C-alpha cells in the first residue's frame, strides 16, 4: 500500500491545492464535527499531502499541535514541505491501524479519504479511539456512492468495461468501499465511538475541459494510476475514449469549463469519557 501511494505522491503534490479546494466544504464539516479549536492536539491520519491537517492547524493556532501521518513516506515529505512554515505542525510515517503514539495523546483524530483503503477499517477506528483522550472526537471522510461521484465512477467504469470485469475488484479496498451511511455508523460504533453521525457534503469536481478531467483524475487515484501505467497505449486510449464519451453525458458547462457532481460522507463520533 505504501509503495502504491508513494508512486503518485508527485502527482498529489502538483494537485494538492486543487484537491483542497474541491474538499473545502467537506473538510470544514469534518473539523466542525470533531470540534477542533485553539490549543487542541490533532492527528491527521492517511494525510496524503496534508490538506485536512493544515486546515486544522489554522484552528488550533500556536498553542495547539497537529501531526500529519501517512504510511507512504513520499506523501509525508510532500505534507512536510507544505507545512514548513507552521511550527505547530509535525509529520510522521505510520499506518492508521498502527499509530505510533501513546494512549490518550490527542483531542481529535481525523482521516480524509484514507479509511476506505484500510485492510481492516474497524481496526483503524479502534486504533484512533486508543490515542484519543476521553471525550475526544474522531472524524473520517469517505466517498459517497459511485452514482453520486460520476467524476470518478465513470473512469473506473470505463476500465471495467474494457476488460469485462468490475474495477477495482469487489474484494479490494477501493474509493467506494465505505460509501453507505449505515455502514459508516456501524463501523464507528463497533470501533468504540458514541454519538455517531454521518452527513453527505457536496464535493463538485471542476475541470477546464473533459480532457483536463481525464488527465487529472487518474493521476490521483493510486490503484487506477498503477493499472493504467501497466497497459498498452492503444488499450489506454480506448479507455480514455470511453471515459470521455461517458463524461460528456453528465458534465455541466460552466464559465471555467465543466463540472461534475461529487459527494463525500463525513462521519464522526465521540470517545466516551
C-alpha atoms as a PDB file:
ATOM      1  CA  UNK A   1       0.000   0.000   0.000  1.00  0.00           C
ATOM      2  CA  UNK A   2       2.768   2.470   0.866  1.00  0.00           C
ATOM      3  CA  UNK A   3       4.534   1.793  -2.443  1.00  0.00           C
ATOM      4  CA  UNK A   4       1.338   2.417  -4.399  1.00  0.00           C
ATOM      5  CA  UNK A   5       0.734   5.822  -2.789  1.00  0.00           C
ATOM      6  CA  UNK A   6       4.428   6.700  -2.958  1.00  0.00           C
ATOM      7  CA  UNK A   7       4.181   6.217  -6.719  1.00  0.00           C
ATOM      8  CA  UNK A   8       1.585   9.002  -7.052  1.00  0.00           C
ATOM      9  CA  UNK A   9       2.976  11.387  -4.414  1.00  0.00           C
ATOM     10  CA  UNK A  10       4.433  13.717  -7.053  1.00  0.00           C
ATOM     11  CA  UNK A  11       1.033  13.895  -8.760  1.00  0.00           C
ATOM     12  CA  UNK A  12      -0.638  14.701  -5.471  1.00  0.00           C
ATOM     13  CA  UNK A  13       1.914  17.411  -4.804  1.00  0.00           C
ATOM     14  CA  UNK A  14       1.052  19.099  -8.110  1.00  0.00           C
ATOM     15  CA  UNK A  15      -2.673  18.817  -7.457  1.00  0.00           C
ATOM     16  CA  UNK A  16      -2.781  19.368  -3.683  1.00  0.00           C
ATOM     17  CA  UNK A  17      -4.221  22.875  -3.811  1.00  0.00           C
ATOM     18  CA  UNK A  18      -6.866  21.759  -6.305  1.00  0.00           C
ATOM     19  CA  UNK A  19      -7.907  18.858  -4.070  1.00  0.00           C
ATOM     20  CA  UNK A  20      -8.082  21.139  -1.030  1.00  0.00           C
ATOM     21  CA  UNK A  21     -10.402  23.489  -2.913  1.00  0.00           C
ATOM     22  CA  UNK A  22     -12.626  20.615  -4.042  1.00  0.00           C
ATOM     23  CA  UNK A  23     -12.754  19.250  -0.490  1.00  0.00           C
ATOM     24  CA  UNK A  24     -13.024  22.617   1.327  1.00  0.00           C
ATOM     25  CA  UNK A  25     -16.668  22.276   2.414  1.00  0.00           C
ATOM     26  CA  UNK A  26     -16.276  18.645   3.441  1.00  0.00           C
ATOM     27  CA  UNK A  27     -13.094  19.448   5.380  1.00  0.00           C
ATOM     28  CA  UNK A  28     -14.821  22.314   7.167  1.00  0.00           C
ATOM     29  CA  UNK A  29     -17.659  19.948   8.091  1.00  0.00           C
ATOM     30  CA  UNK A  30     -15.122  17.372   9.317  1.00  0.00           C
ATOM     31  CA  UNK A  31     -13.274  19.809  11.568  1.00  0.00           C
ATOM     32  CA  UNK A  32     -16.545  21.194  12.901  1.00  0.00           C
ATOM     33  CA  UNK A  33     -17.805  17.677  13.676  1.00  0.00           C
ATOM     34  CA  UNK A  34     -14.705  16.888  15.756  1.00  0.00           C
ATOM     35  CA  UNK A  35     -14.834  20.344  17.358  1.00  0.00           C
ATOM     36  CA  UNK A  36     -11.240  21.365  16.644  1.00  0.00           C
ATOM     37  CA  UNK A  37     -10.327  24.581  18.449  1.00  0.00           C
ATOM     38  CA  UNK A  38      -7.451  26.636  19.894  1.00  0.00           C
ATOM     39  CA  UNK A  39      -4.875  24.623  21.807  1.00  0.00           C
ATOM     40  CA  UNK A  40      -6.075  21.218  20.633  1.00  0.00           C
ATOM     41  CA  UNK A  41      -3.804  18.329  19.689  1.00  0.00           C
ATOM     42  CA  UNK A  42      -4.934  16.854  16.368  1.00  0.00           C
ATOM     43  CA  UNK A  43      -3.770  13.764  14.474  1.00  0.00           C
ATOM     44  CA  UNK A  44      -4.386  13.641  10.714  1.00  0.00           C
ATOM     45  CA  UNK A  45      -4.203  10.011   9.558  1.00  0.00           C
ATOM     46  CA  UNK A  46      -3.556   8.921   5.954  1.00  0.00           C
ATOM     47  CA  UNK A  47      -2.833  12.608   5.471  1.00  0.00           C
ATOM     48  CA  UNK A  48      -1.593  12.475   1.878  1.00  0.00           C
ATOM     49  CA  UNK A  49      -0.290  15.992   1.123  1.00  0.00           C
ATOM     50  CA  UNK A  50      -1.763  17.164   4.419  1.00  0.00           C
ATOM     51  CA  UNK A  51      -4.697  19.334   3.385  1.00  0.00           C
ATOM     52  CA  UNK A  52      -7.062  18.422   6.212  1.00  0.00           C
ATOM     53  CA  UNK A  53      -4.337  18.718   8.847  1.00  0.00           C
ATOM     54  CA  UNK A  54      -3.225  22.089   7.525  1.00  0.00           C
ATOM     55  CA  UNK A  55      -6.805  23.310   7.818  1.00  0.00           C
ATOM     56  CA  UNK A  56      -6.824  22.026  11.400  1.00  0.00           C
ATOM     57  CA  UNK A  57      -3.561  23.877  12.118  1.00  0.00           C
ATOM     58  CA  UNK A  58      -5.269  27.174  11.358  1.00  0.00           C
ATOM     59  CA  UNK A  59      -7.870  26.362  14.032  1.00  0.00           C
ATOM     60  CA  UNK A  60      -5.573  25.082  16.804  1.00  0.00           C
ATOM     61  CA  UNK A  61      -3.253  28.086  16.498  1.00  0.00           C
ATOM     62  CA  UNK A  62       0.200  28.447  18.028  1.00  0.00           C
ATOM     63  CA  UNK A  63      -0.933  26.876  21.307  1.00  0.00           C
ATOM     64  CA  UNK A  64      -2.039  23.638  19.654  1.00  0.00           C
ATOM     65  CA  UNK A  65      -0.307  20.954  17.650  1.00  0.00           C
ATOM     66  CA  UNK A  66      -1.074  18.878  14.570  1.00  0.00           C
ATOM     67  CA  UNK A  67       0.612  15.660  13.476  1.00  0.00           C
ATOM     68  CA  UNK A  68       0.393  14.761   9.793  1.00  0.00           C
ATOM     69  CA  UNK A  69       0.868  10.997   9.385  1.00  0.00           C
ATOM     70  CA  UNK A  70       0.780   8.651   6.407  1.00  0.00           C
ATOM     71  CA  UNK A  71       2.057   5.166   5.613  1.00  0.00           C
ATOM     72  CA  UNK A  72       3.708   6.464   2.410  1.00  0.00           C
ATOM     73  CA  UNK A  73       6.998   8.292   3.140  1.00  0.00           C
ATOM     74  CA  UNK A  74       6.853  10.308  -0.090  1.00  0.00           C
ATOM     75  CA  UNK A  75       3.413  11.616   0.814  1.00  0.00           C
ATOM     76  CA  UNK A  76       4.720  12.655   4.225  1.00  0.00           C
ATOM     77  CA  UNK A  77       7.561  14.530   2.530  1.00  0.00           C
ATOM     78  CA  UNK A  78       5.018  16.482   0.481  1.00  0.00           C
ATOM     79  CA  UNK A  79       2.964  17.232   3.598  1.00  0.00           C
ATOM     80  CA  UNK A  80       6.077  18.355   5.495  1.00  0.00           C
ATOM     81  CA  UNK A  81       7.025  20.725   2.694  1.00  0.00           C
ATOM     82  CA  UNK A  82       3.564  22.271   2.679  1.00  0.00           C
ATOM     83  CA  UNK A  83       3.666  22.669   6.483  1.00  0.00           C
ATOM     84  CA  UNK A  84       7.225  24.010   6.675  1.00  0.00           C
ATOM     85  CA  UNK A  85       6.143  27.476   7.851  1.00  0.00           C
ATOM     86  CA  UNK A  86       3.891  26.154  10.638  1.00  0.00           C
ATOM     87  CA  UNK A  87       5.793  25.374  13.863  1.00  0.00           C
ATOM     88  CA  UNK A  88       2.747  23.693  15.423  1.00  0.00           C
ATOM     89  CA  UNK A  89       2.747  21.010  12.694  1.00  0.00           C
ATOM     90  CA  UNK A  90       4.947  17.895  12.668  1.00  0.00           C
ATOM     91  CA  UNK A  91       4.956  14.780  10.494  1.00  0.00           C
ATOM     92  CA  UNK A  92       5.314  11.038  11.000  1.00  0.00           C
ATOM     93  CA  UNK A  93       5.291   7.846   8.954  1.00  0.00           C
ATOM     94  CA  UNK A  94       2.958   5.122  10.179  1.00  0.00           C
ATOM     95  CA  UNK A  95      -0.194   3.273   9.193  1.00  0.00           C
ATOM     96  CA  UNK A  96      -3.600   4.291  10.515  1.00  0.00           C
ATOM     97  CA  UNK A  97      -4.034   0.807  12.001  1.00  0.00           C
ATOM     98  CA  UNK A  98      -0.744   1.055  13.933  1.00  0.00           C
ATOM     99  CA  UNK A  99      -0.390   4.573  15.328  1.00  0.00           C
ATOM    100  CA  UNK A 100       2.998   5.404  16.825  1.00  0.00           C
ATOM    101  CA  UNK A 101       1.658   7.403  19.775  1.00  0.00           C
ATOM    102  CA  UNK A 102       0.776   6.713  23.413  1.00  0.00           C
ATOM    103  CA  UNK A 103      -2.774   6.158  24.619  1.00  0.00           C
ATOM    104  CA  UNK A 104      -4.889   9.296  25.071  1.00  0.00           C
ATOM    105  CA  UNK A 105      -2.493  11.588  23.175  1.00  0.00           C
ATOM    106  CA  UNK A 106      -4.916  13.668  21.092  1.00  0.00           C
ATOM    107  CA  UNK A 107      -8.065  15.743  21.412  1.00  0.00           C
ATOM    108  CA  UNK A 108      -9.167  14.929  17.862  1.00  0.00           C
ATOM    109  CA  UNK A 109      -8.244  12.390  15.185  1.00  0.00           C
ATOM    110  CA  UNK A 110      -9.196  12.953  11.555  1.00  0.00           C
ATOM    111  CA  UNK A 111      -8.824  10.920   8.375  1.00  0.00           C
ATOM    112  CA  UNK A 112      -9.712  12.407   4.990  1.00  0.00           C
ATOM    113  CA  UNK A 113     -10.116   9.695   2.356  1.00  0.00           C
ATOM    114  CA  UNK A 114      -7.898   7.038   3.894  1.00  0.00           C
ATOM    115  CA  UNK A 115     -10.204   4.801   5.934  1.00  0.00           C
ATOM    116  CA  UNK A 116     -11.800   3.127   2.891  1.00  0.00           C
ATOM    117  CA  UNK A 117      -8.396   1.824   1.789  1.00  0.00           C
ATOM    118  CA  UNK A 118      -7.626   0.163   5.141  1.00  0.00           C
ATOM    119  CA  UNK A 119      -7.386  -3.636   5.135  1.00  0.00           C
ATOM    120  CA  UNK A 120      -9.433  -3.630   8.345  1.00  0.00           C
ATOM    121  CA  UNK A 121     -11.294  -0.315   8.765  1.00  0.00           C
ATOM    122  CA  UNK A 122     -12.659  -1.282  12.175  1.00  0.00           C
ATOM    123  CA  UNK A 123      -9.125  -1.867  13.478  1.00  0.00           C
ATOM    124  CA  UNK A 124      -8.197   1.568  12.175  1.00  0.00           C
ATOM    125  CA  UNK A 125     -11.130   3.121  14.016  1.00  0.00           C
ATOM    126  CA  UNK A 126     -10.261   1.275  17.244  1.00  0.00           C
ATOM    127  CA  UNK A 127      -6.666   2.465  16.994  1.00  0.00           C
ATOM    128  CA  UNK A 128      -7.872   6.042  16.611  1.00  0.00           C
ATOM    129  CA  UNK A 129     -10.015   5.585  19.724  1.00  0.00           C
ATOM    130  CA  UNK A 130      -6.963   4.354  21.630  1.00  0.00           C
ATOM    131  CA  UNK A 131      -4.966   7.541  21.063  1.00  0.00           C
ATOM    132  CA  UNK A 132      -7.898   9.855  21.785  1.00  0.00           C
ATOM    133  CA  UNK A 133      -8.383  11.381  25.202  1.00  0.00           C
ATOM    134  CA  UNK A 134     -11.705  10.609  26.899  1.00  0.00           C
ATOM    135  CA  UNK A 135     -14.253  12.962  25.399  1.00  0.00           C
ATOM    136  CA  UNK A 136     -12.184  13.365  22.237  1.00  0.00           C
ATOM    137  CA  UNK A 137     -13.703  13.055  18.774  1.00  0.00           C
ATOM    138  CA  UNK A 138     -12.882  11.060  15.667  1.00  0.00           C
ATOM    139  CA  UNK A 139     -13.875  12.094  12.163  1.00  0.00           C
ATOM    140  CA  UNK A 140     -13.415  10.460   8.776  1.00  0.00           C
ATOM    141  CA  UNK A 141     -14.312  11.405   5.221  1.00  0.00           C
ATOM    142  CA  UNK A 142     -15.101   8.701   2.689  1.00  0.00           C
ATOM    143  CA  UNK A 143     -16.595   8.954  -0.772  1.00  0.00           C
ATOM    144  CA  UNK A 144     -20.347   8.694  -1.144  1.00  0.00           C
ATOM    145  CA  UNK A 145     -21.756   6.180  -3.637  1.00  0.00           C
ATOM    146  CA  UNK A 146     -20.318   5.625  -7.095  1.00  0.00           C
ATOM    147  CA  UNK A 147     -23.512   7.089  -8.600  1.00  0.00           C
ATOM    148  CA  UNK A 148     -23.051  10.268  -6.551  1.00  0.00           C
ATOM    149  CA  UNK A 149     -19.467  10.652  -7.846  1.00  0.00           C
ATOM    150  CA  UNK A 150     -19.527  10.303 -11.633  1.00  0.00           C
ATOM    151  CA  UNK A 151     -16.282  12.296 -11.885  1.00  0.00           C
ATOM    152  CA  UNK A 152     -14.505   9.193 -10.535  1.00  0.00           C
ATOM    153  CA  UNK A 153     -17.005   6.410 -11.069  1.00  0.00           C
ATOM    154  CA  UNK A 154     -17.182   6.875 -14.836  1.00  0.00           C
ATOM    155  CA  UNK A 155     -13.438   6.428 -15.243  1.00  0.00           C
ATOM    156  CA  UNK A 156     -13.443   3.300 -13.091  1.00  0.00           C
ATOM    157  CA  UNK A 157     -16.407   2.041 -15.111  1.00  0.00           C
ATOM    158  CA  UNK A 158     -14.512   2.675 -18.365  1.00  0.00           C
ATOM    159  CA  UNK A 159     -11.666   0.457 -17.149  1.00  0.00           C
ATOM    160  CA  UNK A 160     -14.068  -2.253 -16.043  1.00  0.00           C
ATOM    161  CA  UNK A 161     -15.952  -2.187 -19.337  1.00  0.00           C
ATOM    162  CA  UNK A 162     -12.690  -2.513 -21.240  1.00  0.00           C
ATOM    163  CA  UNK A 163     -11.936  -5.852 -19.579  1.00  0.00           C
ATOM    164  CA  UNK A 164     -15.440  -7.062 -18.778  1.00  0.00           C
ATOM    165  CA  UNK A 165     -14.907  -7.189 -15.002  1.00  0.00           C
ATOM    166  CA  UNK A 166     -15.575  -4.673 -12.202  1.00  0.00           C
ATOM    167  CA  UNK A 167     -12.729  -2.282 -11.432  1.00  0.00           C
ATOM    168  CA  UNK A 168     -11.471  -2.248  -8.772  1.00  0.00           C
ATOM    169  CA  UNK A 169     -12.455  -5.835  -7.925  1.00  0.00           C
ATOM    170  CA  UNK A 170     -15.099  -6.046  -5.151  1.00  0.00           C
ATOM    171  CA  UNK A 171     -12.649  -7.832  -2.846  1.00  0.00           C
ATOM    172  CA  UNK A 172     -10.086  -4.996  -2.944  1.00  0.00           C
ATOM    173  CA  UNK A 173     -10.332  -1.852  -0.767  1.00  0.00           C
ATOM    174  CA  UNK A 174     -11.350   0.941  -3.107  1.00  0.00           C
ATOM    175  CA  UNK A 175     -12.643   4.538  -3.156  1.00  0.00           C
ATOM    176  CA  UNK A 176     -16.225   3.292  -2.683  1.00  0.00           C
ATOM    177  CA  UNK A 177     -15.578   0.624  -0.046  1.00  0.00           C
ATOM    178  CA  UNK A 178     -17.295   2.731   2.656  1.00  0.00           C
ATOM    179  CA  UNK A 179     -19.969   4.532   0.667  1.00  0.00           C
ATOM    180  CA  UNK A 180     -23.016   3.801   2.833  1.00  0.00           C
ATOM    181  CA  UNK A 181     -24.328   5.916   5.731  1.00  0.00           C
ATOM    182  CA  UNK A 182     -25.449   2.938   7.843  1.00  0.00           C
ATOM    183  CA  UNK A 183     -22.214   1.078   7.174  1.00  0.00           C
ATOM    184  CA  UNK A 184     -20.182   4.030   8.457  1.00  0.00           C
ATOM    185  CA  UNK A 185     -22.347   4.457  11.544  1.00  0.00           C
ATOM    186  CA  UNK A 186     -21.940   0.785  12.412  1.00  0.00           C
ATOM    187  CA  UNK A 187     -18.191   0.929  11.775  1.00  0.00           C
ATOM    188  CA  UNK A 188     -17.612   3.819  14.157  1.00  0.00           C
ATOM    189  CA  UNK A 189     -19.872   2.288  16.787  1.00  0.00           C
ATOM    190  CA  UNK A 190     -18.043  -1.050  16.544  1.00  0.00           C
ATOM    191  CA  UNK A 191     -14.762   0.845  16.859  1.00  0.00           C
ATOM    192  CA  UNK A 192     -15.827   2.248  20.231  1.00  0.00           C
ATOM    193  CA  UNK A 193     -17.474   5.584  19.471  1.00  0.00           C
ATOM    194  CA  UNK A 194     -20.747   7.027  20.714  1.00  0.00           C
ATOM    195  CA  UNK A 195     -22.879   9.881  19.390  1.00  0.00           C
ATOM    196  CA  UNK A 196     -22.060   8.801  15.816  1.00  0.00           C
ATOM    197  CA  UNK A 197     -23.287  10.939  12.929  1.00  0.00           C
ATOM    198  CA  UNK A 198     -22.876  10.787   9.145  1.00  0.00           C
ATOM    199  CA  UNK A 199     -23.623  13.600   6.724  1.00  0.00           C
ATOM    200  CA  UNK A 200     -23.208  13.965   2.968  1.00  0.00           C
ATOM    201  CA  UNK A 201     -21.402  17.056   1.660  1.00  0.00           C
ATOM    202  CA  UNK A 202     -21.246  18.103  -1.991  1.00  0.00           C
ATOM    203  CA  UNK A 203     -17.733  17.987  -3.492  1.00  0.00           C
ATOM    204  CA  UNK A 204     -18.269  19.125  -7.070  1.00  0.00           C
ATOM    205  CA  UNK A 205     -15.387  18.345  -9.430  1.00  0.00           C
ATOM    206  CA  UNK A 206     -14.482  21.245 -11.774  1.00  0.00           C
ATOM    207  CA  UNK A 207     -12.208  20.971 -14.805  1.00  0.00           C
ATOM    208  CA  UNK A 208     -11.148  23.180 -17.673  1.00  0.00           C
ATOM    209  CA  UNK A 209     -12.410  20.542 -20.124  1.00  0.00           C
ATOM    210  CA  UNK A 210     -13.291  16.858 -20.398  1.00  0.00           C
ATOM    211  CA  UNK A 211      -9.729  16.177 -21.482  1.00  0.00           C
ATOM    212  CA  UNK A 212      -8.400  18.005 -18.394  1.00  0.00           C
ATOM    213  CA  UNK A 213     -10.711  15.881 -16.230  1.00  0.00           C
ATOM    214  CA  UNK A 214      -9.379  12.712 -17.825  1.00  0.00           C
ATOM    215  CA  UNK A 215      -5.776  13.834 -17.354  1.00  0.00           C
ATOM    216  CA  UNK A 216      -6.152  14.784 -13.677  1.00  0.00           C
ATOM    217  CA  UNK A 217      -8.292  12.112 -12.053  1.00  0.00           C
ATOM    218  CA  UNK A 218      -6.186   9.015 -12.887  1.00  0.00           C
ATOM    219  CA  UNK A 219      -3.111  10.806 -11.526  1.00  0.00           C
ATOM    220  CA  UNK A 220      -4.689  10.971  -8.072  1.00  0.00           C
ATOM    221  CA  UNK A 221      -6.227   7.501  -7.814  1.00  0.00           C
ATOM    222  CA  UNK A 222      -3.381   5.218  -6.754  1.00  0.00           C
ATOM    223  CA  UNK A 223      -4.845   1.854  -7.904  1.00  0.00           C
ATOM    224  CA  UNK A 224      -6.096   3.411 -11.139  1.00  0.00           C
ATOM    225  CA  UNK A 225      -2.782   5.113 -11.891  1.00  0.00           C
ATOM    226  CA  UNK A 226      -0.924   1.832 -11.405  1.00  0.00           C
ATOM    227  CA  UNK A 227      -3.379  -0.070 -13.593  1.00  0.00           C
ATOM    228  CA  UNK A 228      -3.273   2.426 -16.463  1.00  0.00           C
ATOM    229  CA  UNK A 229       0.521   2.647 -16.338  1.00  0.00           C
ATOM    230  CA  UNK A 230       0.756  -1.090 -16.977  1.00  0.00           C
ATOM    231  CA  UNK A 231      -1.481  -1.076 -20.066  1.00  0.00           C
ATOM    232  CA  UNK A 232      -0.553  -0.844 -23.720  1.00  0.00           C
ATOM    233  CA  UNK A 233      -1.059   2.650 -25.206  1.00  0.00           C
ATOM    234  CA  UNK A 234      -3.885   1.537 -27.507  1.00  0.00           C
ATOM    235  CA  UNK A 235      -5.757  -0.003 -24.560  1.00  0.00           C
ATOM    236  CA  UNK A 236      -5.357   3.182 -22.512  1.00  0.00           C
ATOM    237  CA  UNK A 237      -6.645   5.210 -25.448  1.00  0.00           C
ATOM    238  CA  UNK A 238      -9.731   3.019 -25.772  1.00  0.00           C
ATOM    239  CA  UNK A 239     -10.441   3.539 -22.078  1.00  0.00           C
ATOM    240  CA  UNK A 240      -9.903   7.284 -22.496  1.00  0.00           C
ATOM    241  CA  UNK A 241     -12.379   7.485 -25.375  1.00  0.00           C
ATOM    242  CA  UNK A 242     -14.951   5.508 -23.431  1.00  0.00           C
ATOM    243  CA  UNK A 243     -14.499   7.724 -20.365  1.00  0.00           C
ATOM    244  CA  UNK A 244     -14.716  10.959 -22.367  1.00  0.00           C
ATOM    245  CA  UNK A 245     -17.923   9.826 -24.014  1.00  0.00           C
ATOM    246  CA  UNK A 246     -19.468   8.919 -20.658  1.00  0.00           C
ATOM    247  CA  UNK A 247     -18.224  12.150 -19.089  1.00  0.00           C
ATOM    248  CA  UNK A 248     -19.809  14.249 -21.830  1.00  0.00           C
ATOM    249  CA  UNK A 249     -23.214  12.826 -20.881  1.00  0.00           C
ATOM    250  CA  UNK A 250     -23.071  14.102 -17.282  1.00  0.00           C
ATOM    251  CA  UNK A 251     -20.773  17.144 -17.322  1.00  0.00           C
ATOM    252  CA  UNK A 252     -22.270  20.613 -16.957  1.00  0.00           C
ATOM    253  CA  UNK A 253     -20.802  23.581 -18.800  1.00  0.00           C
ATOM    254  CA  UNK A 254     -19.502  26.429 -16.623  1.00  0.00           C
ATOM    255  CA  UNK A 255     -17.697  29.704 -17.259  1.00  0.00           C
ATOM    256  CA  UNK A 256     -14.408  27.999 -16.454  1.00  0.00           C
ATOM    257  CA  UNK A 257     -15.041  24.781 -18.375  1.00  0.00           C
ATOM    258  CA  UNK A 258     -17.110  21.926 -16.959  1.00  0.00           C
ATOM    259  CA  UNK A 259     -18.118  20.398 -13.637  1.00  0.00           C
ATOM    260  CA  UNK A 260     -19.398  17.033 -12.455  1.00  0.00           C
ATOM    261  CA  UNK A 261     -21.280  16.019  -9.340  1.00  0.00           C
ATOM    262  CA  UNK A 262     -19.350  14.785  -6.334  1.00  0.00           C
ATOM    263  CA  UNK A 263     -20.303  13.843  -2.788  1.00  0.00           C
ATOM    264  CA  UNK A 264     -18.389  12.842   0.333  1.00  0.00           C
ATOM    265  CA  UNK A 265     -19.586  11.320   3.594  1.00  0.00           C
ATOM    266  CA  UNK A 266     -18.394  12.935   6.825  1.00  0.00           C
ATOM    267  CA  UNK A 267     -18.622  10.531   9.752  1.00  0.00           C
ATOM    268  CA  UNK A 268     -17.804  11.439  13.345  1.00  0.00           C
ATOM    269  CA  UNK A 269     -18.065  10.005  16.818  1.00  0.00           C
ATOM    270  CA  UNK A 270     -17.234  10.684  20.473  1.00  0.00           C
ATOM    271  CA  UNK A 271     -14.907   8.623  22.646  1.00  0.00           C
ATOM    272  CA  UNK A 272     -16.771   8.123  25.933  1.00  0.00           C
ATOM    273  CA  UNK A 273     -15.356   9.908  28.982  1.00  0.00           C
END
